[in-house]
Amino acid sequence: MRPNRTLEVGTGMFVLLGFAALGFLTTQLPSSGLKFGGVKSGYHVTAKFDNIGDLKAGSPVSMAGVRIGDVERIGFDPHDYKAAVTLRIDPSFNQIPDDSDASIQTQGLLGGKYVGISPGGSDMFLKDGSTIAFTQSAIVLESLVNKFFANFASKGGDSDSNKSGAAQSNDAAGNGSGGDAGKEKQ
């Protein structure tokens, strides 16, 4: 028996279309340096952070939950020993106060990082080449867990030493149960 030729061609086209779609979606991920659609317009603003966590080029920049741009480039400033993050802001968002602050936030509990901008109160606005002076670094989950366990372990160790120290002082004063029993026998 000879299989249906149309079914074979249709299946092959479906598989090829699936691979093409997968390839396109892979290039659209924030961690990928490849993007289709050309150069986006907007103005560029720089922010320097002590720690950017796993922030990547292409990550969103948002304000009040609305995406207003994306992270264009991440570099290292050897003079300040900080990560210099270049943000591309869409031109329609051209009235962001220049005293606004930028923070690196997490999308959900284990989601990717993004830059969140909180507005300031200045009458002057960010423009191309501006620097955001007020920044808050990423909160690294591993550091928080390590601090929690270190704090928990030190408190647990202190309470055990306090209990044994109190028992020793009671025995020395003759107030402990061992000291009273020794007095009755004499």
C-alpha atoms as a PDB file:
ATOM      1  CA  MET A   1       0.000   0.000   0.000  1.00  0.00           C
ATOM      2  CA  ARG A   2       1.203   3.439  -0.875  1.00  0.00           C
ATOM      3  CA  PRO A   3       0.597   6.259   1.689  1.00  0.00           C
ATOM      4  CA  ASN A   4      -1.268   9.368   0.701  1.00  0.00           C
ATOM      5  CA  ARG A   5       1.195  11.905  -0.754  1.00  0.00           C
ATOM      6  CA  THR A   6      -0.907  14.908   0.295  1.00  0.00           C
ATOM      7  CA  LEU A   7      -0.822  13.798   3.927  1.00  0.00           C
ATOM      8  CA  GLU A   8       2.990  13.537   3.847  1.00  0.00           C
ATOM      9  CA  VAL A   9       3.419  16.998   2.322  1.00  0.00           C
ATOM     10  CA  GLY A  10       0.938  18.525   4.776  1.00  0.00           C
ATOM     11  CA  THR A  11       2.693  16.965   7.756  1.00  0.00           C
ATOM     12  CA  GLY A  12       6.086  18.164   6.514  1.00  0.00           C
ATOM     13  CA  MET A  13       4.800  21.727   6.034  1.00  0.00           C
ATOM     14  CA  PHE A  14       3.271  21.686   9.531  1.00  0.00           C
ATOM     15  CA  VAL A  15       6.569  20.593  11.090  1.00  0.00           C
ATOM     16  CA  LEU A  16       8.534  23.241   9.148  1.00  0.00           C
ATOM     17  CA  LEU A  17       6.056  25.934  10.183  1.00  0.00           C
ATOM     18  CA  GLY A  18       6.418  24.822  13.825  1.00  0.00           C
ATOM     19  CA  PHE A  19      10.227  25.103  13.661  1.00  0.00           C
ATOM     20  CA  ALA A  20       9.979  28.537  12.029  1.00  0.00           C
ATOM     21  CA  ALA A  21       7.621  29.742  14.777  1.00  0.00           C
ATOM     22  CA  LEU A  22       9.911  28.341  17.477  1.00  0.00           C
ATOM     23  CA  GLY A  23      12.921  30.082  15.898  1.00  0.00           C
ATOM     24  CA  PHE A  24      11.060  33.405  15.742  1.00  0.00           C
ATOM     25  CA  LEU A  25       9.895  33.190  19.368  1.00  0.00           C
ATOM     26  CA  THR A  26      13.407  32.322  20.531  1.00  0.00           C
ATOM     27  CA  THR A  27      14.758  35.539  19.019  1.00  0.00           C
ATOM     28  CA  GLN A  28      12.083  37.565  20.824  1.00  0.00           C
ATOM     29  CA  LEU A  29      13.161  36.527  24.323  1.00  0.00           C
ATOM     30  CA  PRO A  30      14.716  39.324  26.419  1.00  0.00           C
ATOM     31  CA  SER A  31      17.893  37.316  26.988  1.00  0.00           C
ATOM     32  CA  SER A  32      18.435  36.947  23.247  1.00  0.00           C
ATOM     33  CA  GLY A  33      20.424  39.684  21.565  1.00  0.00           C
ATOM     34  CA  LEU A  34      18.507  39.148  18.333  1.00  0.00           C
ATOM     35  CA  LYS A  35      15.412  41.216  17.617  1.00  0.00           C
ATOM     36  CA  PHE A  36      13.271  41.618  14.545  1.00  0.00           C
ATOM     37  CA  GLY A  37      11.584  44.900  13.776  1.00  0.00           C
ATOM     38  CA  GLY A  38      14.568  47.205  13.419  1.00  0.00           C
ATOM     39  CA  VAL A  39      15.710  49.981  15.717  1.00  0.00           C
ATOM     40  CA  LYS A  40      13.025  51.392  17.993  1.00  0.00           C
ATOM     41  CA  SER A  41      12.825  55.128  18.461  1.00  0.00           C
ATOM     42  CA  GLY A  42      13.033  56.823  21.808  1.00  0.00           C
ATOM     43  CA  TYR A  43      15.471  58.550  24.092  1.00  0.00           C
ATOM     44  CA  HIS A  44      18.190  56.948  26.189  1.00  0.00           C
ATOM     45  CA  VAL A  45      18.630  57.345  29.928  1.00  0.00           C
ATOM     46  CA  THR A  46      21.359  55.838  32.129  1.00  0.00           C
ATOM     47  CA  ALA A  47      20.976  54.455  35.643  1.00  0.00           C
ATOM     48  CA  LYS A  48      23.767  52.997  37.801  1.00  0.00           C
ATOM     49  CA  PHE A  49      23.094  50.146  40.214  1.00  0.00           C
ATOM     50  CA  ASP A  50      25.208  48.378  42.854  1.00  0.00           C
ATOM     51  CA  ASN A  51      23.714  45.018  41.864  1.00  0.00           C
ATOM     52  CA  ILE A  52      21.493  44.237  38.869  1.00  0.00           C
ATOM     53  CA  GLY A  53      20.834  40.575  39.704  1.00  0.00           C
ATOM     54  CA  ASP A  54      19.972  38.767  36.490  1.00  0.00           C
ATOM     55  CA  LEU A  55      18.650  41.797  34.597  1.00  0.00           C
ATOM     56  CA  LYS A  56      19.244  41.384  30.862  1.00  0.00           C
ATOM     57  CA  ALA A  57      19.249  43.600  27.803  1.00  0.00           C
ATOM     58  CA  GLY A  58      15.736  43.604  26.359  1.00  0.00           C
ATOM     59  CA  SER A  59      14.035  43.460  29.769  1.00  0.00           C
ATOM     60  CA  PRO A  60      11.066  45.803  30.158  1.00  0.00           C
ATOM     61  CA  VAL A  61      11.124  49.256  31.725  1.00  0.00           C
ATOM     62  CA  SER A  62       7.809  50.111  33.337  1.00  0.00           C
ATOM     63  CA  MET A  63       6.151  52.914  35.224  1.00  0.00           C
ATOM     64  CA  ALA A  64       2.954  52.306  37.235  1.00  0.00           C
ATOM     65  CA  GLY A  65       2.748  48.854  35.647  1.00  0.00           C
ATOM     66  CA  VAL A  66       2.822  50.207  32.073  1.00  0.00           C
ATOM     67  CA  ARG A  67       5.712  49.262  29.798  1.00  0.00           C
ATOM     68  CA  ILE A  68       7.401  52.480  28.712  1.00  0.00           C
ATOM     69  CA  GLY A  69      10.581  51.100  27.170  1.00  0.00           C
ATOM     70  CA  ASP A  70      13.246  48.463  27.546  1.00  0.00           C
ATOM     71  CA  VAL A  71      16.785  47.884  28.747  1.00  0.00           C
ATOM     72  CA  GLU A  72      19.040  48.555  25.805  1.00  0.00           C
ATOM     73  CA  ARG A  73      22.517  47.901  27.172  1.00  0.00           C
ATOM     74  CA  ILE A  74      24.234  46.814  30.383  1.00  0.00           C
ATOM     75  CA  GLY A  75      27.836  47.708  31.105  1.00  0.00           C
ATOM     76  CA  PHE A  76      30.256  48.232  33.961  1.00  0.00           C
ATOM     77  CA  ASP A  77      31.448  51.645  35.099  1.00  0.00           C
ATOM     78  CA  PRO A  78      35.053  51.193  36.322  1.00  0.00           C
ATOM     79  CA  HIS A  79      35.058  54.608  38.057  1.00  0.00           C
ATOM     80  CA  ASP A  80      32.037  53.970  40.299  1.00  0.00           C
ATOM     81  CA  TYR A  81      32.323  50.166  40.336  1.00  0.00           C
ATOM     82  CA  LYS A  82      28.637  49.937  39.457  1.00  0.00           C
ATOM     83  CA  ALA A  83      26.566  48.431  36.675  1.00  0.00           C
ATOM     84  CA  ALA A  84      25.588  51.095  34.132  1.00  0.00           C
ATOM     85  CA  VAL A  85      22.214  50.299  32.587  1.00  0.00           C
ATOM     86  CA  THR A  86      21.080  52.178  29.483  1.00  0.00           C
ATOM     87  CA  LEU A  87      17.295  52.436  29.205  1.00  0.00           C
ATOM     88  CA  ARG A  88      15.434  53.247  26.002  1.00  0.00           C
ATOM     89  CA  ILE A  89      12.234  55.138  26.794  1.00  0.00           C
ATOM     90  CA  ASP A  90       9.498  55.409  24.154  1.00  0.00           C
ATOM     91  CA  PRO A  91       9.141  58.981  22.829  1.00  0.00           C
ATOM     92  CA  SER A  92       5.487  59.200  23.917  1.00  0.00           C
ATOM     93  CA  PHE A  93       6.674  59.129  27.561  1.00  0.00           C
ATOM     94  CA  ASN A  94       8.639  62.371  27.422  1.00  0.00           C
ATOM     95  CA  GLN A  95       7.416  63.965  30.647  1.00  0.00           C
ATOM     96  CA  ILE A  96       9.049  61.812  33.290  1.00  0.00           C
ATOM     97  CA  PRO A  97      10.412  64.037  36.096  1.00  0.00           C
ATOM     98  CA  ASP A  98      14.220  64.103  36.246  1.00  0.00           C
ATOM     99  CA  ASP A  99      14.229  63.334  39.987  1.00  0.00           C
ATOM    100  CA  SER A 100      12.466  59.995  39.436  1.00  0.00           C
ATOM    101  CA  ASP A 101      14.012  56.848  40.867  1.00  0.00           C
ATOM    102  CA  ALA A 102      14.689  53.502  39.201  1.00  0.00           C
ATOM    103  CA  SER A 103      14.616  50.130  40.912  1.00  0.00           C
ATOM    104  CA  ILE A 104      15.161  46.586  39.713  1.00  0.00           C
ATOM    105  CA  GLN A 105      12.091  44.505  40.434  1.00  0.00           C
ATOM    106  CA  THR A 106      11.013  40.909  39.907  1.00  0.00           C
ATOM    107  CA  GLN A 107       8.007  39.778  37.875  1.00  0.00           C
ATOM    108  CA  GLY A 108       6.311  37.423  40.312  1.00  0.00           C
ATOM    109  CA  LEU A 109       8.130  35.233  42.818  1.00  0.00           C
ATOM    110  CA  LEU A 110      10.565  33.580  40.423  1.00  0.00           C
ATOM    111  CA  GLY A 111      10.029  35.704  37.310  1.00  0.00           C
ATOM    112  CA  GLY A 112      12.497  37.760  35.336  1.00  0.00           C
ATOM    113  CA  LYS A 113      13.819  41.147  36.355  1.00  0.00           C
ATOM    114  CA  TYR A 114      12.674  44.504  35.017  1.00  0.00           C
ATOM    115  CA  VAL A 115      13.370  48.165  35.758  1.00  0.00           C
ATOM    116  CA  GLY A 116      10.574  50.035  37.501  1.00  0.00           C
ATOM    117  CA  ILE A 117      10.575  53.829  37.498  1.00  0.00           C
ATOM    118  CA  SER A 118       8.781  55.776  40.231  1.00  0.00           C
ATOM    119  CA  PRO A 119       7.995  59.394  39.386  1.00  0.00           C
ATOM    120  CA  GLY A 120       9.547  62.298  41.226  1.00  0.00           C
ATOM    121  CA  GLY A 121       8.097  65.769  41.677  1.00  0.00           C
ATOM    122  CA  SER A 122      10.401  67.945  39.589  1.00  0.00           C
ATOM    123  CA  ASP A 123       9.222  70.304  36.855  1.00  0.00           C
ATOM    124  CA  MET A 124      12.221  69.290  34.722  1.00  0.00           C
ATOM    125  CA  PHE A 125      11.953  66.107  32.642  1.00  0.00           C
ATOM    126  CA  LEU A 126      14.323  63.324  31.600  1.00  0.00           C
ATOM    127  CA  LYS A 127      15.782  63.778  28.135  1.00  0.00           C
ATOM    128  CA  ASP A 128      18.200  61.925  25.886  1.00  0.00           C
ATOM    129  CA  GLY A 129      21.477  61.423  27.749  1.00  0.00           C
ATOM    130  CA  SER A 130      20.045  62.033  31.236  1.00  0.00           C
ATOM    131  CA  THR A 131      21.103  60.003  34.262  1.00  0.00           C
ATOM    132  CA  ILE A 132      18.711  58.746  36.911  1.00  0.00           C
ATOM    133  CA  ALA A 133      20.466  59.581  40.176  1.00  0.00           C
ATOM    134  CA  PHE A 134      18.267  57.652  42.607  1.00  0.00           C
ATOM    135  CA  THR A 135      18.453  53.886  42.143  1.00  0.00           C
ATOM    136  CA  GLN A 136      17.653  50.796  44.166  1.00  0.00           C
ATOM    137  CA  SER A 137      19.502  47.589  43.378  1.00  0.00           C
ATOM    138  CA  ALA A 138      17.989  44.182  42.820  1.00  0.00           C
ATOM    139  CA  ILE A 139      17.048  42.091  45.795  1.00  0.00           C
ATOM    140  CA  VAL A 140      18.843  38.798  45.328  1.00  0.00           C
ATOM    141  CA  LEU A 141      16.731  35.972  46.720  1.00  0.00           C
ATOM    142  CA  GLU A 142      19.751  33.858  47.621  1.00  0.00           C
ATOM    143  CA  SER A 143      21.184  36.660  49.778  1.00  0.00           C
ATOM    144  CA  LEU A 144      17.907  37.047  51.648  1.00  0.00           C
ATOM    145  CA  VAL A 145      17.691  33.311  52.331  1.00  0.00           C
ATOM    146  CA  ASN A 146      21.319  33.223  53.530  1.00  0.00           C
ATOM    147  CA  LYS A 147      20.726  36.189  55.859  1.00  0.00           C
ATOM    148  CA  PHE A 148      17.566  34.581  57.216  1.00  0.00           C
ATOM    149  CA  PHE A 149      19.299  31.288  58.015  1.00  0.00           C
ATOM    150  CA  ALA A 150      22.346  33.051  59.483  1.00  0.00           C
ATOM    151  CA  ASN A 151      20.077  35.160  61.705  1.00  0.00           C
ATOM    152  CA  PHE A 152      18.013  32.108  62.688  1.00  0.00           C
ATOM    153  CA  ALA A 153      21.143  30.078  63.503  1.00  0.00           C
ATOM    154  CA  SER A 154      22.664  32.848  65.622  1.00  0.00           C
ATOM    155  CA  LYS A 155      19.445  33.327  67.614  1.00  0.00           C
ATOM    156  CA  GLY A 156      19.172  29.566  68.161  1.00  0.00           C
ATOM    157  CA  GLY A 157      22.773  29.408  69.385  1.00  0.00           C
ATOM    158  CA  ASP A 158      22.249  32.356  71.761  1.00  0.00           C
ATOM    159  CA  SER A 159      19.169  30.816  73.398  1.00  0.00           C
ATOM    160  CA  ASP A 160      20.964  27.497  74.011  1.00  0.00           C
ATOM    161  CA  SER A 161      23.960  29.244  75.594  1.00  0.00           C
ATOM    162  CA  ASN A 162      21.648  31.388  77.756  1.00  0.00           C
ATOM    163  CA  LYS A 163      19.856  28.292  79.049  1.00  0.00           C
ATOM    164  CA  SER A 164      23.069  26.478  79.924  1.00  0.00           C
ATOM    165  CA  GLY A 165      24.532  29.638  81.444  1.00  0.00           C
ATOM    166  CA  ALA A 166      21.431  30.069  83.634  1.00  0.00           C
ATOM    167  CA  ALA A 167      21.610  26.459  84.778  1.00  0.00           C
ATOM    168  CA  GLN A 168      25.278  26.850  85.693  1.00  0.00           C
ATOM    169  CA  SER A 169      24.597  30.003  87.685  1.00  0.00           C
ATOM    170  CA  ASN A 170      21.760  28.263  89.555  1.00  0.00           C
ATOM    171  CA  ASP A 171      24.048  25.346  90.458  1.00  0.00           C
ATOM    172  CA  ALA A 172      26.780  27.688  91.614  1.00  0.00           C
ATOM    173  CA  ALA A 173      24.348  29.576  93.843  1.00  0.00           C
ATOM    174  CA  GLY A 174      22.975  26.364  95.278  1.00  0.00           C
ATOM    175  CA  ASN A 175      19.524  27.068  93.880  1.00  0.00           C
ATOM    176  CA  GLY A 176      19.530  24.284  91.317  1.00  0.00           C
ATOM    177  CA  SER A 177      17.937  20.916  91.930  1.00  0.00           C
ATOM    178  CA  GLY A 178      21.350  19.262  92.160  1.00  0.00           C
ATOM    179  CA  GLY A 179      22.438  21.695  94.886  1.00  0.00           C
ATOM    180  CA  ASP A 180      19.313  21.089  97.018  1.00  0.00           C
ATOM    181  CA  ALA A 181      19.642  17.333  96.773  1.00  0.00           C
ATOM    182  CA  GLY A 182      23.239  17.535  97.939  1.00  0.00           C
ATOM    183  CA  LYS A 183      22.171  19.542 101.036  1.00  0.00           C
ATOM    184  CA  GLU A 184      19.562  16.993 102.134  1.00  0.00           C
ATOM    185  CA  LYS A 185      22.055  14.136 102.129  1.00  0.00           C
ATOM    186  CA  GLN A 186      24.434  15.962 104.459  1.00  0.00           C
END
